[in-house]
């Protein structure tokens, strides 16, 4: 059965870096659905309808799961009612098994420090990030795992791979 791995947390918390590191040495049939790719490189003109973003990502996630891919879904996914509803049907009815949610619990100061080290550092400012930043709260599933900011990228990748049973 296909696995769904959700990496959620604030911008700059390390989700995309972890997803790429997991994928680069994986022996599993794997697809990354990165919200930033859709938001920045796919949907135009800006601003676009947020419903379109969610629907497009969900369709790609479902396609990949249905075709035997392990999916790493990288998005902020605030713990609001809209996202709980959006993910709820998928995680409980459509794909009720082999789901893993990893919550990147990283302080604002640390997200800014990490952001300065990545290729997207010129795309938006620390002030922009401050407007988006919210503490990461649980979505309420028993398959959620905490990733503390003290984890290195290597520790995070190892933890996700081990927890989800991914092959290297």
C-alpha atoms as a PDB file:
ATOM      1  CA  UNK A   1       0.000   0.000   0.000  1.00  0.00           C
ATOM      2  CA  UNK A   2       1.141   3.532  -0.757  1.00  0.00           C
ATOM      3  CA  UNK A   3       2.200   5.758   2.109  1.00  0.00           C
ATOM      4  CA  UNK A   4       1.262   9.389   2.633  1.00  0.00           C
ATOM      5  CA  UNK A   5       3.854  11.432   4.490  1.00  0.00           C
ATOM      6  CA  UNK A   6       2.837  14.987   5.342  1.00  0.00           C
ATOM      7  CA  UNK A   7       5.569  17.426   6.329  1.00  0.00           C
ATOM      8  CA  UNK A   8       3.951  20.485   7.870  1.00  0.00           C
ATOM      9  CA  UNK A   9       5.258  23.605   9.516  1.00  0.00           C
ATOM     10  CA  UNK A  10       6.071  27.221   8.883  1.00  0.00           C
ATOM     11  CA  UNK A  11       7.946  28.560   5.907  1.00  0.00           C
ATOM     12  CA  UNK A  12      11.666  28.040   6.457  1.00  0.00           C
ATOM     13  CA  UNK A  13      11.227  25.207   8.969  1.00  0.00           C
ATOM     14  CA  UNK A  14      13.042  22.619   6.816  1.00  0.00           C
ATOM     15  CA  UNK A  15      10.180  20.690   5.195  1.00  0.00           C
ATOM     16  CA  UNK A  16      11.389  20.966   1.603  1.00  0.00           C
ATOM     17  CA  UNK A  17      15.012  20.228   2.485  1.00  0.00           C
ATOM     18  CA  UNK A  18      13.912  17.097   4.360  1.00  0.00           C
ATOM     19  CA  UNK A  19      11.640  15.972   1.493  1.00  0.00           C
ATOM     20  CA  UNK A  20      14.449  16.300  -1.047  1.00  0.00           C
ATOM     21  CA  UNK A  21      16.961  14.499   1.178  1.00  0.00           C
ATOM     22  CA  UNK A  22      14.515  11.651   1.746  1.00  0.00           C
ATOM     23  CA  UNK A  23      13.858  11.355  -1.983  1.00  0.00           C
ATOM     24  CA  UNK A  24      17.440  11.480  -3.213  1.00  0.00           C
ATOM     25  CA  UNK A  25      18.469   8.127  -1.738  1.00  0.00           C
ATOM     26  CA  UNK A  26      15.081   6.418  -1.552  1.00  0.00           C
ATOM     27  CA  UNK A  27      14.512   2.961  -2.982  1.00  0.00           C
ATOM     28  CA  UNK A  28      10.752   3.535  -2.753  1.00  0.00           C
ATOM     29  CA  UNK A  29       8.652   4.755  -5.682  1.00  0.00           C
ATOM     30  CA  UNK A  30       8.247   8.298  -4.390  1.00  0.00           C
ATOM     31  CA  UNK A  31       6.580  11.589  -5.370  1.00  0.00           C
ATOM     32  CA  UNK A  32       6.981  14.980  -3.710  1.00  0.00           C
ATOM     33  CA  UNK A  33       3.994  17.303  -3.749  1.00  0.00           C
ATOM     34  CA  UNK A  34       5.466  20.645  -2.675  1.00  0.00           C
ATOM     35  CA  UNK A  35       2.929  23.443  -2.118  1.00  0.00           C
ATOM     36  CA  UNK A  36       5.559  26.063  -2.968  1.00  0.00           C
ATOM     37  CA  UNK A  37       5.999  24.580  -6.444  1.00  0.00           C
ATOM     38  CA  UNK A  38       2.299  24.968  -7.181  1.00  0.00           C
ATOM     39  CA  UNK A  39       2.056  28.392  -5.539  1.00  0.00           C
ATOM     40  CA  UNK A  40       5.204  29.881  -7.108  1.00  0.00           C
ATOM     41  CA  UNK A  41       5.839  28.043 -10.378  1.00  0.00           C
ATOM     42  CA  UNK A  42       2.533  26.651 -11.575  1.00  0.00           C
ATOM     43  CA  UNK A  43      -0.494  28.857 -10.935  1.00  0.00           C
ATOM     44  CA  UNK A  44      -0.776  32.272 -12.571  1.00  0.00           C
ATOM     45  CA  UNK A  45      -1.715  35.113 -12.502  1.00  0.00           C
ATOM     46  CA  UNK A  46      -0.977  36.065  -8.922  1.00  0.00           C
ATOM     47  CA  UNK A  47      -2.851  36.119  -6.670  1.00  0.00           C
ATOM     48  CA  UNK A  48      -4.725  32.971  -7.637  1.00  0.00           C
ATOM     49  CA  UNK A  49      -7.682  31.180  -6.125  1.00  0.00           C
ATOM     50  CA  UNK A  50      -6.506  29.233  -3.050  1.00  0.00           C
ATOM     51  CA  UNK A  51      -9.178  26.613  -3.694  1.00  0.00           C
ATOM     52  CA  UNK A  52      -7.462  25.835  -7.011  1.00  0.00           C
ATOM     53  CA  UNK A  53      -4.160  25.260  -5.196  1.00  0.00           C
ATOM     54  CA  UNK A  54      -5.705  22.802  -2.746  1.00  0.00           C
ATOM     55  CA  UNK A  55      -7.692  20.959  -5.405  1.00  0.00           C
ATOM     56  CA  UNK A  56      -4.699  20.610  -7.707  1.00  0.00           C
ATOM     57  CA  UNK A  57      -2.408  19.315  -4.968  1.00  0.00           C
ATOM     58  CA  UNK A  58      -5.038  16.898  -3.696  1.00  0.00           C
ATOM     59  CA  UNK A  59      -5.647  15.548  -7.202  1.00  0.00           C
ATOM     60  CA  UNK A  60      -1.926  14.930  -7.663  1.00  0.00           C
ATOM     61  CA  UNK A  61      -1.617  13.305  -4.233  1.00  0.00           C
ATOM     62  CA  UNK A  62      -4.520  10.973  -5.006  1.00  0.00           C
ATOM     63  CA  UNK A  63      -3.159  10.119  -8.446  1.00  0.00           C
ATOM     64  CA  UNK A  64       0.266   9.252  -7.051  1.00  0.00           C
ATOM     65  CA  UNK A  65      -1.156   7.225  -4.154  1.00  0.00           C
ATOM     66  CA  UNK A  66      -3.399   5.359  -6.584  1.00  0.00           C
ATOM     67  CA  UNK A  67      -0.413   4.499  -8.768  1.00  0.00           C
ATOM     68  CA  UNK A  68       1.765   3.041  -6.045  1.00  0.00           C
ATOM     69  CA  UNK A  69       3.832   6.065  -5.073  1.00  0.00           C
ATOM     70  CA  UNK A  70       4.746   6.993  -1.544  1.00  0.00           C
ATOM     71  CA  UNK A  71       3.810  10.669  -1.417  1.00  0.00           C
ATOM     72  CA  UNK A  72       5.645  13.303   0.576  1.00  0.00           C
ATOM     73  CA  UNK A  73       3.289  16.272   0.819  1.00  0.00           C
ATOM     74  CA  UNK A  74       5.116  19.428   1.897  1.00  0.00           C
ATOM     75  CA  UNK A  75       2.901  22.322   2.962  1.00  0.00           C
ATOM     76  CA  UNK A  76       2.313  24.668   5.885  1.00  0.00           C
ATOM     77  CA  UNK A  77      -1.112  23.144   6.763  1.00  0.00           C
ATOM     78  CA  UNK A  78      -2.112  25.407   9.637  1.00  0.00           C
ATOM     79  CA  UNK A  79      -4.282  23.614  12.208  1.00  0.00           C
ATOM     80  CA  UNK A  80      -7.415  25.514  11.210  1.00  0.00           C
ATOM     81  CA  UNK A  81     -10.871  24.099  10.548  1.00  0.00           C
ATOM     82  CA  UNK A  82     -10.493  24.371   6.768  1.00  0.00           C
ATOM     83  CA  UNK A  83      -7.319  22.279   6.722  1.00  0.00           C
ATOM     84  CA  UNK A  84      -8.693  19.800   9.245  1.00  0.00           C
ATOM     85  CA  UNK A  85     -11.709  19.277   7.010  1.00  0.00           C
ATOM     86  CA  UNK A  86      -9.579  19.251   3.858  1.00  0.00           C
ATOM     87  CA  UNK A  87      -7.281  16.546   5.213  1.00  0.00           C
ATOM     88  CA  UNK A  88      -9.881  14.707   7.286  1.00  0.00           C
ATOM     89  CA  UNK A  89     -11.688  12.897   4.493  1.00  0.00           C
ATOM     90  CA  UNK A  90      -8.414  11.966   2.826  1.00  0.00           C
ATOM     91  CA  UNK A  91      -6.819  10.615   6.002  1.00  0.00           C
ATOM     92  CA  UNK A  92      -9.843   8.775   7.391  1.00  0.00           C
ATOM     93  CA  UNK A  93     -11.858   7.593   4.370  1.00  0.00           C
ATOM     94  CA  UNK A  94      -9.904   7.762   1.112  1.00  0.00           C
ATOM     95  CA  UNK A  95      -6.455   6.737   2.424  1.00  0.00           C
ATOM     96  CA  UNK A  96      -7.002   5.576   6.022  1.00  0.00           C
ATOM     97  CA  UNK A  97      -3.763   3.582   6.443  1.00  0.00           C
ATOM     98  CA  UNK A  98      -0.050   4.266   6.156  1.00  0.00           C
ATOM     99  CA  UNK A  99      -0.404   7.979   6.929  1.00  0.00           C
ATOM    100  CA  UNK A 100       2.312   9.910   8.742  1.00  0.00           C
ATOM    101  CA  UNK A 101       2.249  13.571   9.725  1.00  0.00           C
ATOM    102  CA  UNK A 102       5.468  15.247  10.825  1.00  0.00           C
ATOM    103  CA  UNK A 103       5.039  18.620  12.544  1.00  0.00           C
ATOM    104  CA  UNK A 104       8.111  20.830  12.207  1.00  0.00           C
ATOM    105  CA  UNK A 105       8.026  22.808  15.462  1.00  0.00           C
ATOM    106  CA  UNK A 106      10.531  25.570  14.740  1.00  0.00           C
ATOM    107  CA  UNK A 107      10.614  29.033  16.359  1.00  0.00           C
ATOM    108  CA  UNK A 108      10.239  32.150  14.259  1.00  0.00           C
ATOM    109  CA  UNK A 109      13.869  33.192  14.807  1.00  0.00           C
ATOM    110  CA  UNK A 110      15.097  29.782  13.665  1.00  0.00           C
ATOM    111  CA  UNK A 111      12.872  29.798  10.551  1.00  0.00           C
ATOM    112  CA  UNK A 112      14.370  33.165   9.589  1.00  0.00           C
ATOM    113  CA  UNK A 113      17.912  31.833  10.151  1.00  0.00           C
ATOM    114  CA  UNK A 114      17.190  28.765   7.999  1.00  0.00           C
ATOM    115  CA  UNK A 115      15.463  30.862   5.339  1.00  0.00           C
ATOM    116  CA  UNK A 116      18.595  32.972   4.873  1.00  0.00           C
ATOM    117  CA  UNK A 117      20.516  29.813   3.916  1.00  0.00           C
ATOM    118  CA  UNK A 118      18.239  28.607   1.110  1.00  0.00           C
ATOM    119  CA  UNK A 119      17.852  29.494  -2.530  1.00  0.00           C
ATOM    120  CA  UNK A 120      14.433  31.082  -1.875  1.00  0.00           C
ATOM    121  CA  UNK A 121      15.964  33.661   0.470  1.00  0.00           C
ATOM    122  CA  UNK A 122      15.365  36.528  -1.977  1.00  0.00           C
ATOM    123  CA  UNK A 123      11.760  35.546  -2.718  1.00  0.00           C
ATOM    124  CA  UNK A 124      10.370  36.949   0.523  1.00  0.00           C
ATOM    125  CA  UNK A 125      11.565  38.748   3.643  1.00  0.00           C
ATOM    126  CA  UNK A 126      11.607  38.005   7.347  1.00  0.00           C
ATOM    127  CA  UNK A 127       8.790  40.562   7.674  1.00  0.00           C
ATOM    128  CA  UNK A 128       6.707  38.544   5.191  1.00  0.00           C
ATOM    129  CA  UNK A 129       7.450  35.410   7.191  1.00  0.00           C
ATOM    130  CA  UNK A 130       6.395  37.115  10.411  1.00  0.00           C
ATOM    131  CA  UNK A 131       2.954  37.787   8.914  1.00  0.00           C
ATOM    132  CA  UNK A 132       2.539  34.081   8.030  1.00  0.00           C
ATOM    133  CA  UNK A 133       4.117  32.553  11.134  1.00  0.00           C
ATOM    134  CA  UNK A 134       1.878  30.614  13.524  1.00  0.00           C
ATOM    135  CA  UNK A 135       2.920  28.104  16.185  1.00  0.00           C
ATOM    136  CA  UNK A 136       2.470  24.562  14.896  1.00  0.00           C
ATOM    137  CA  UNK A 137      -0.453  22.815  16.573  1.00  0.00           C
ATOM    138  CA  UNK A 138      -1.487  19.195  16.313  1.00  0.00           C
ATOM    139  CA  UNK A 139      -4.204  18.238  13.837  1.00  0.00           C
ATOM    140  CA  UNK A 140      -5.375  15.609  16.347  1.00  0.00           C
ATOM    141  CA  UNK A 141      -4.255  12.350  14.720  1.00  0.00           C
ATOM    142  CA  UNK A 142      -2.445   9.534  16.507  1.00  0.00           C
ATOM    143  CA  UNK A 143      -0.010   9.290  13.570  1.00  0.00           C
ATOM    144  CA  UNK A 144       1.455  12.773  14.126  1.00  0.00           C
ATOM    145  CA  UNK A 145       5.082  13.144  15.101  1.00  0.00           C
ATOM    146  CA  UNK A 146       6.937  16.117  16.547  1.00  0.00           C
ATOM    147  CA  UNK A 147      10.111  17.387  14.848  1.00  0.00           C
ATOM    148  CA  UNK A 148      11.866  19.786  17.261  1.00  0.00           C
ATOM    149  CA  UNK A 149      14.021  22.622  15.973  1.00  0.00           C
ATOM    150  CA  UNK A 150      16.996  21.056  17.760  1.00  0.00           C
ATOM    151  CA  UNK A 151      16.993  18.230  15.191  1.00  0.00           C
ATOM    152  CA  UNK A 152      19.568  18.474  12.448  1.00  0.00           C
ATOM    153  CA  UNK A 153      18.420  17.857   8.889  1.00  0.00           C
ATOM    154  CA  UNK A 154      20.066  14.431   9.020  1.00  0.00           C
ATOM    155  CA  UNK A 155      18.275  13.538  12.277  1.00  0.00           C
ATOM    156  CA  UNK A 156      14.952  14.666  10.827  1.00  0.00           C
ATOM    157  CA  UNK A 157      15.426  12.678   7.617  1.00  0.00           C
ATOM    158  CA  UNK A 158      16.435   9.570   9.559  1.00  0.00           C
ATOM    159  CA  UNK A 159      13.446   9.914  11.902  1.00  0.00           C
ATOM    160  CA  UNK A 160      10.949  10.317   9.048  1.00  0.00           C
ATOM    161  CA  UNK A 161      12.418   7.408   7.098  1.00  0.00           C
ATOM    162  CA  UNK A 162      12.510   5.118  10.126  1.00  0.00           C
ATOM    163  CA  UNK A 163       9.023   6.067  11.356  1.00  0.00           C
ATOM    164  CA  UNK A 164       7.409   5.664   7.923  1.00  0.00           C
ATOM    165  CA  UNK A 165       9.407   2.543   7.063  1.00  0.00           C
ATOM    166  CA  UNK A 166      11.089   3.967   3.967  1.00  0.00           C
ATOM    167  CA  UNK A 167      13.901   2.060   2.254  1.00  0.00           C
ATOM    168  CA  UNK A 168      17.296   3.618   1.550  1.00  0.00           C
END
